[in-house]
């Protein structure tokens, strides 16, 4: 015979795990200093200019 599972507890545990994952993603996205955000933005812009400079005109 299988193990008896309380579906209410299983649902709550699943929801709690999803909330923790969402919180971790938010901490990574919003928990950076202004200098880190500026560095990432300038690096992204530099990479875009580099790629655009290598495009061929038709």
PDB file of N, CA and C in Angstrom:
ATOM      1  N   UNK A   1       0.837  -1.171   0.000  1.00  0.00           N
ATOM      2  CA  UNK A   1       0.000   0.000   0.000  1.00  0.00           C
ATOM      3  C   UNK A   1       0.887   1.241   0.000  1.00  0.00           C
ATOM      4  N   UNK A   2       0.476   2.255  -0.705  1.00  0.00           N
ATOM      5  CA  UNK A   2       1.265   3.478  -0.824  1.00  0.00           C
ATOM      6  C   UNK A   2       1.169   4.348   0.405  1.00  0.00           C
ATOM      7  N   UNK A   3       2.020   5.336   0.412  1.00  0.00           N
ATOM      8  CA  UNK A   3       2.052   6.267   1.529  1.00  0.00           C
ATOM      9  C   UNK A   3       0.897   7.258   1.394  1.00  0.00           C
ATOM     10  N   UNK A   4       0.257   7.540   2.505  1.00  0.00           N
ATOM     11  CA  UNK A   4      -0.853   8.484   2.523  1.00  0.00           C
ATOM     12  C   UNK A   4      -0.281   9.900   2.521  1.00  0.00           C
ATOM     13  N   UNK A   5      -0.789  10.730   1.611  1.00  0.00           N
ATOM     14  CA  UNK A   5      -0.286  12.095   1.468  1.00  0.00           C
ATOM     15  C   UNK A   5      -1.422  13.069   1.717  1.00  0.00           C
ATOM     16  N   UNK A   6      -1.163  14.031   2.551  1.00  0.00           N
ATOM     17  CA  UNK A   6      -2.130  15.086   2.801  1.00  0.00           C
ATOM     18  C   UNK A   6      -2.003  16.079   1.646  1.00  0.00           C
ATOM     19  N   UNK A   7      -3.007  16.135   0.799  1.00  0.00           N
ATOM     20  CA  UNK A   7      -2.949  16.978  -0.393  1.00  0.00           C
ATOM     21  C   UNK A   7      -2.856  18.463  -0.046  1.00  0.00           C
ATOM     22  N   UNK A   8      -3.451  18.864   1.052  1.00  0.00           N
ATOM     23  CA  UNK A   8      -3.368  20.253   1.491  1.00  0.00           C
ATOM     24  C   UNK A   8      -1.923  20.622   1.810  1.00  0.00           C
ATOM     25  N   UNK A   9      -1.226  19.745   2.522  1.00  0.00           N
ATOM     26  CA  UNK A   9       0.173  20.001   2.856  1.00  0.00           C
ATOM     27  C   UNK A   9       1.042  19.987   1.608  1.00  0.00           C
ATOM     28  N   UNK A  10       0.783  19.078   0.683  1.00  0.00           N
ATOM     29  CA  UNK A  10       1.565  18.990  -0.549  1.00  0.00           C
ATOM     30  C   UNK A  10       1.386  20.263  -1.372  1.00  0.00           C
ATOM     31  N   UNK A  11       0.163  20.752  -1.473  1.00  0.00           N
ATOM     32  CA  UNK A  11      -0.101  21.986  -2.226  1.00  0.00           C
ATOM     33  C   UNK A  11       0.606  23.169  -1.587  1.00  0.00           C
ATOM     34  N   UNK A  12       0.531  23.264  -0.261  1.00  0.00           N
ATOM     35  CA  UNK A  12       1.168  24.371   0.444  1.00  0.00           C
ATOM     36  C   UNK A  12       2.693  24.301   0.298  1.00  0.00           C
ATOM     37  N   UNK A  13       3.253  23.107   0.345  1.00  0.00           N
ATOM     38  CA  UNK A  13       4.701  22.952   0.181  1.00  0.00           C
ATOM     39  C   UNK A  13       5.129  23.363  -1.227  1.00  0.00           C
ATOM     40  N   UNK A  14       4.338  22.984  -2.230  1.00  0.00           N
ATOM     41  CA  UNK A  14       4.641  23.355  -3.611  1.00  0.00           C
ATOM     42  C   UNK A  14       4.590  24.873  -3.775  1.00  0.00           C
ATOM     43  N   UNK A  15       3.551  25.496  -3.234  1.00  0.00           N
ATOM     44  CA  UNK A  15       3.419  26.948  -3.331  1.00  0.00           C
ATOM     45  C   UNK A  15       4.561  27.665  -2.628  1.00  0.00           C
ATOM     46  N   UNK A  16       4.977  27.136  -1.488  1.00  0.00           N
ATOM     47  CA  UNK A  16       6.063  27.739  -0.737  1.00  0.00           C
ATOM     48  C   UNK A  16       7.371  27.660  -1.514  1.00  0.00           C
ATOM     49  N   UNK A  17       7.614  26.531  -2.181  1.00  0.00           N
ATOM     50  CA  UNK A  17       8.820  26.375  -2.982  1.00  0.00           C
ATOM     51  C   UNK A  17       8.815  27.348  -4.167  1.00  0.00           C
ATOM     52  N   UNK A  18       7.666  27.536  -4.800  1.00  0.00           N
ATOM     53  CA  UNK A  18       7.561  28.489  -5.911  1.00  0.00           C
ATOM     54  C   UNK A  18       7.815  29.910  -5.431  1.00  0.00           C
ATOM     55  N   UNK A  19       7.283  30.253  -4.251  1.00  0.00           N
ATOM     56  CA  UNK A  19       7.496  31.591  -3.701  1.00  0.00           C
ATOM     57  C   UNK A  19       8.969  31.831  -3.399  1.00  0.00           C
ATOM     58  N   UNK A  20       9.648  30.817  -2.876  1.00  0.00           N
ATOM     59  CA  UNK A  20      11.071  30.957  -2.581  1.00  0.00           C
ATOM     60  C   UNK A  20      11.878  31.158  -3.859  1.00  0.00           C
ATOM     61  N   UNK A  21      11.523  30.438  -4.913  1.00  0.00           N
ATOM     62  CA  UNK A  21      12.228  30.588  -6.190  1.00  0.00           C
ATOM     63  C   UNK A  21      11.999  31.983  -6.764  1.00  0.00           C
ATOM     64  N   UNK A  22      10.766  32.475  -6.683  1.00  0.00           N
ATOM     65  CA  UNK A  22      10.453  33.817  -7.185  1.00  0.00           C
ATOM     66  C   UNK A  22      11.207  34.873  -6.376  1.00  0.00           C
ATOM     67  N   UNK A  23      11.293  34.691  -5.067  1.00  0.00           N
ATOM     68  CA  UNK A  23      12.002  35.645  -4.216  1.00  0.00           C
ATOM     69  C   UNK A  23      13.493  35.662  -4.546  1.00  0.00           C
ATOM     70  N   UNK A  24      14.060  34.505  -4.812  1.00  0.00           N
ATOM     71  CA  UNK A  24      15.479  34.444  -5.164  1.00  0.00           C
ATOM     72  C   UNK A  24      15.742  35.169  -6.480  1.00  0.00           C
ATOM     73  N   UNK A  25      14.847  35.002  -7.441  1.00  0.00           N
ATOM     74  CA  UNK A  25      15.004  35.695  -8.721  1.00  0.00           C
ATOM     75  C   UNK A  25      14.891  37.205  -8.530  1.00  0.00           C
ATOM     76  N   UNK A  26      13.963  37.649  -7.692  1.00  0.00           N
ATOM     77  CA  UNK A  26      13.807  39.078  -7.429  1.00  0.00           C
ATOM     78  C   UNK A  26      15.025  39.650  -6.714  1.00  0.00           C
ATOM     79  N   UNK A  27      15.591  38.886  -5.791  1.00  0.00           N
ATOM     80  CA  UNK A  27      16.796  39.351  -5.097  1.00  0.00           C
ATOM     81  C   UNK A  27      17.939  39.523  -6.084  1.00  0.00           C
ATOM     82  N   UNK A  28      18.050  38.605  -7.030  1.00  0.00           N
ATOM     83  CA  UNK A  28      19.121  38.704  -8.010  1.00  0.00           C
ATOM     84  C   UNK A  28      18.907  39.895  -8.931  1.00  0.00           C
ATOM     85  N   UNK A  29      17.668  40.164  -9.303  1.00  0.00           N
ATOM     86  CA  UNK A  29      17.389  41.245 -10.244  1.00  0.00           C
ATOM     87  C   UNK A  29      17.401  42.617  -9.581  1.00  0.00           C
ATOM     88  N   UNK A  30      16.880  42.725  -8.385  1.00  0.00           N
ATOM     89  CA  UNK A  30      16.704  44.027  -7.759  1.00  0.00           C
ATOM     90  C   UNK A  30      17.674  44.296  -6.626  1.00  0.00           C
ATOM     91  N   UNK A  31      18.438  43.339  -6.232  1.00  0.00           N
ATOM     92  CA  UNK A  31      19.324  43.506  -5.079  1.00  0.00           C
ATOM     93  C   UNK A  31      20.717  43.952  -5.457  1.00  0.00           C
ATOM     94  N   UNK A  32      20.868  44.600  -6.611  1.00  0.00           N
ATOM     95  CA  UNK A  32      22.186  45.044  -7.044  1.00  0.00           C
ATOM     96  C   UNK A  32      22.352  46.532  -6.738  1.00  0.00           C
ATOM     97  N   UNK A  33      23.598  46.935  -6.588  1.00  0.00           N
ATOM     98  CA  UNK A  33      23.873  48.345  -6.342  1.00  0.00           C
ATOM     99  C   UNK A  33      23.722  49.126  -7.644  1.00  0.00           C
ATOM    100  N   UNK A  34      23.638  50.429  -7.525  1.00  0.00           N
ATOM    101  CA  UNK A  34      23.505  51.285  -8.711  1.00  0.00           C
ATOM    102  C   UNK A  34      24.720  51.133  -9.623  1.00  0.00           C
ATOM    103  N   UNK A  35      25.894  50.984  -9.049  1.00  0.00           N
ATOM    104  CA  UNK A  35      27.106  50.826  -9.847  1.00  0.00           C
ATOM    105  C   UNK A  35      27.070  49.520 -10.650  1.00  0.00           C
ATOM    106  N   UNK A  36      26.577  48.452 -10.019  1.00  0.00           N
ATOM    107  CA  UNK A  36      26.481  47.171 -10.725  1.00  0.00           C
ATOM    108  C   UNK A  36      25.484  47.259 -11.875  1.00  0.00           C
ATOM    109  N   UNK A  37      24.354  47.939 -11.637  1.00  0.00           N
ATOM    110  CA  UNK A  37      23.360  48.103 -12.693  1.00  0.00           C
ATOM    111  C   UNK A  37      23.930  48.916 -13.851  1.00  0.00           C
ATOM    112  N   UNK A  38      24.653  49.986 -13.535  1.00  0.00           N
ATOM    113  CA  UNK A  38      25.225  50.836 -14.574  1.00  0.00           C
ATOM    114  C   UNK A  38      26.276  50.064 -15.367  1.00  0.00           C
ATOM    115  N   UNK A  39      27.103  49.291 -14.694  1.00  0.00           N
ATOM    116  CA  UNK A  39      28.118  48.495 -15.371  1.00  0.00           C
ATOM    117  C   UNK A  39      27.478  47.482 -16.313  1.00  0.00           C
ATOM    118  N   UNK A  40      26.442  46.819 -15.855  1.00  0.00           N
ATOM    119  CA  UNK A  40      25.756  45.838 -16.699  1.00  0.00           C
ATOM    120  C   UNK A  40      25.116  46.516 -17.909  1.00  0.00           C
ATOM    121  N   UNK A  41      24.520  47.678 -17.696  1.00  0.00           N
ATOM    122  CA  UNK A  41      23.876  48.395 -18.801  1.00  0.00           C
ATOM    123  C   UNK A  41      24.907  48.828 -19.840  1.00  0.00           C
ATOM    124  N   UNK A  42      26.039  49.399 -19.396  1.00  0.00           N
ATOM    125  CA  UNK A  42      27.051  49.851 -20.342  1.00  0.00           C
ATOM    126  C   UNK A  42      27.680  48.676 -21.082  1.00  0.00           C
ATOM    127  N   UNK A  43      27.871  47.569 -20.406  1.00  0.00           N
ATOM    128  CA  UNK A  43      28.417  46.364 -21.057  1.00  0.00           C
ATOM    129  C   UNK A  43      27.449  45.849 -22.118  1.00  0.00           C
ATOM    130  N   UNK A  44      26.164  45.842 -21.817  1.00  0.00           N
ATOM    131  CA  UNK A  44      25.152  45.396 -22.775  1.00  0.00           C
ATOM    132  C   UNK A  44      25.117  46.319 -23.991  1.00  0.00           C
ATOM    133  N   UNK A  45      25.185  47.636 -23.753  1.00  0.00           N
ATOM    134  CA  UNK A  45      25.181  48.595 -24.861  1.00  0.00           C
ATOM    135  C   UNK A  45      26.432  48.449 -25.722  1.00  0.00           C
ATOM    136  N   UNK A  46      27.578  48.217 -25.090  1.00  0.00           N
ATOM    137  CA  UNK A  46      28.824  48.039 -25.832  1.00  0.00           C
ATOM    138  C   UNK A  46      28.747  46.793 -26.703  1.00  0.00           C
ATOM    139  N   UNK A  47      28.187  45.722 -26.175  1.00  0.00           N
ATOM    140  CA  UNK A  47      28.047  44.484 -26.951  1.00  0.00           C
ATOM    141  C   UNK A  47      27.099  44.690 -28.135  1.00  0.00           C
ATOM    142  N   UNK A  48      26.024  45.441 -27.932  1.00  0.00           N
ATOM    143  CA  UNK A  48      25.094  45.715 -29.030  1.00  0.00           C
ATOM    144  C   UNK A  48      25.767  46.533 -30.127  1.00  0.00           C
ATOM    145  N   UNK A  49      26.561  47.540 -29.746  1.00  0.00           N
ATOM    146  CA  UNK A  49      27.271  48.339 -30.749  1.00  0.00           C
ATOM    147  C   UNK A  49      28.271  47.480 -31.502  1.00  0.00           C
ATOM    148  N   UNK A  50      28.933  46.588 -30.806  1.00  0.00           N
ATOM    149  CA  UNK A  50      29.920  45.702 -31.423  1.00  0.00           C
ATOM    150  C   UNK A  50      29.229  44.799 -32.464  1.00  0.00           C
ATOM    151  N   UNK A  51      28.106  44.245 -32.104  1.00  0.00           N
ATOM    152  CA  UNK A  51      27.374  43.368 -33.017  1.00  0.00           C
ATOM    153  C   UNK A  51      26.835  44.171 -34.204  1.00  0.00           C
ATOM    154  N   UNK A  52      26.281  45.357 -33.934  1.00  0.00           N
ATOM    155  CA  UNK A  52      25.740  46.192 -35.006  1.00  0.00           C
ATOM    156  C   UNK A  52      26.841  46.626 -35.973  1.00  0.00           C
ATOM    157  N   UNK A  53      28.042  46.793 -35.485  1.00  0.00           N
ATOM    158  CA  UNK A  53      29.156  47.194 -36.339  1.00  0.00           C
ATOM    159  C   UNK A  53      29.579  46.106 -37.298  1.00  0.00           C
ATOM    160  N   UNK A  54      29.225  44.873 -37.015  1.00  0.00           N
ATOM    161  CA  UNK A  54      29.609  43.740 -37.865  1.00  0.00           C
ATOM    162  C   UNK A  54      28.500  43.308 -38.809  1.00  0.00           C
ATOM    163  N   UNK A  55      27.388  43.997 -38.786  1.00  0.00           N
ATOM    164  CA  UNK A  55      26.291  43.632 -39.680  1.00  0.00           C
ATOM    165  C   UNK A  55      26.620  44.084 -41.094  1.00  0.00           C
ATOM    166  N   UNK A  56      26.175  43.299 -42.039  1.00  0.00           N
ATOM    167  CA  UNK A  56      26.389  43.622 -43.443  1.00  0.00           C
ATOM    168  C   UNK A  56      25.135  44.249 -44.021  1.00  0.00           C
ATOM    169  N   UNK A  57      25.331  45.254 -44.838  1.00  0.00           N
ATOM    170  CA  UNK A  57      24.222  45.931 -45.494  1.00  0.00           C
ATOM    171  C   UNK A  57      23.894  45.195 -46.783  1.00  0.00           C
ATOM    172  N   UNK A  58      22.611  45.010 -47.052  1.00  0.00           N
ATOM    173  CA  UNK A  58      22.197  44.353 -48.293  1.00  0.00           C
ATOM    174  C   UNK A  58      21.850  45.371 -49.357  1.00  0.00           C
TER     175      UNK A  58
END
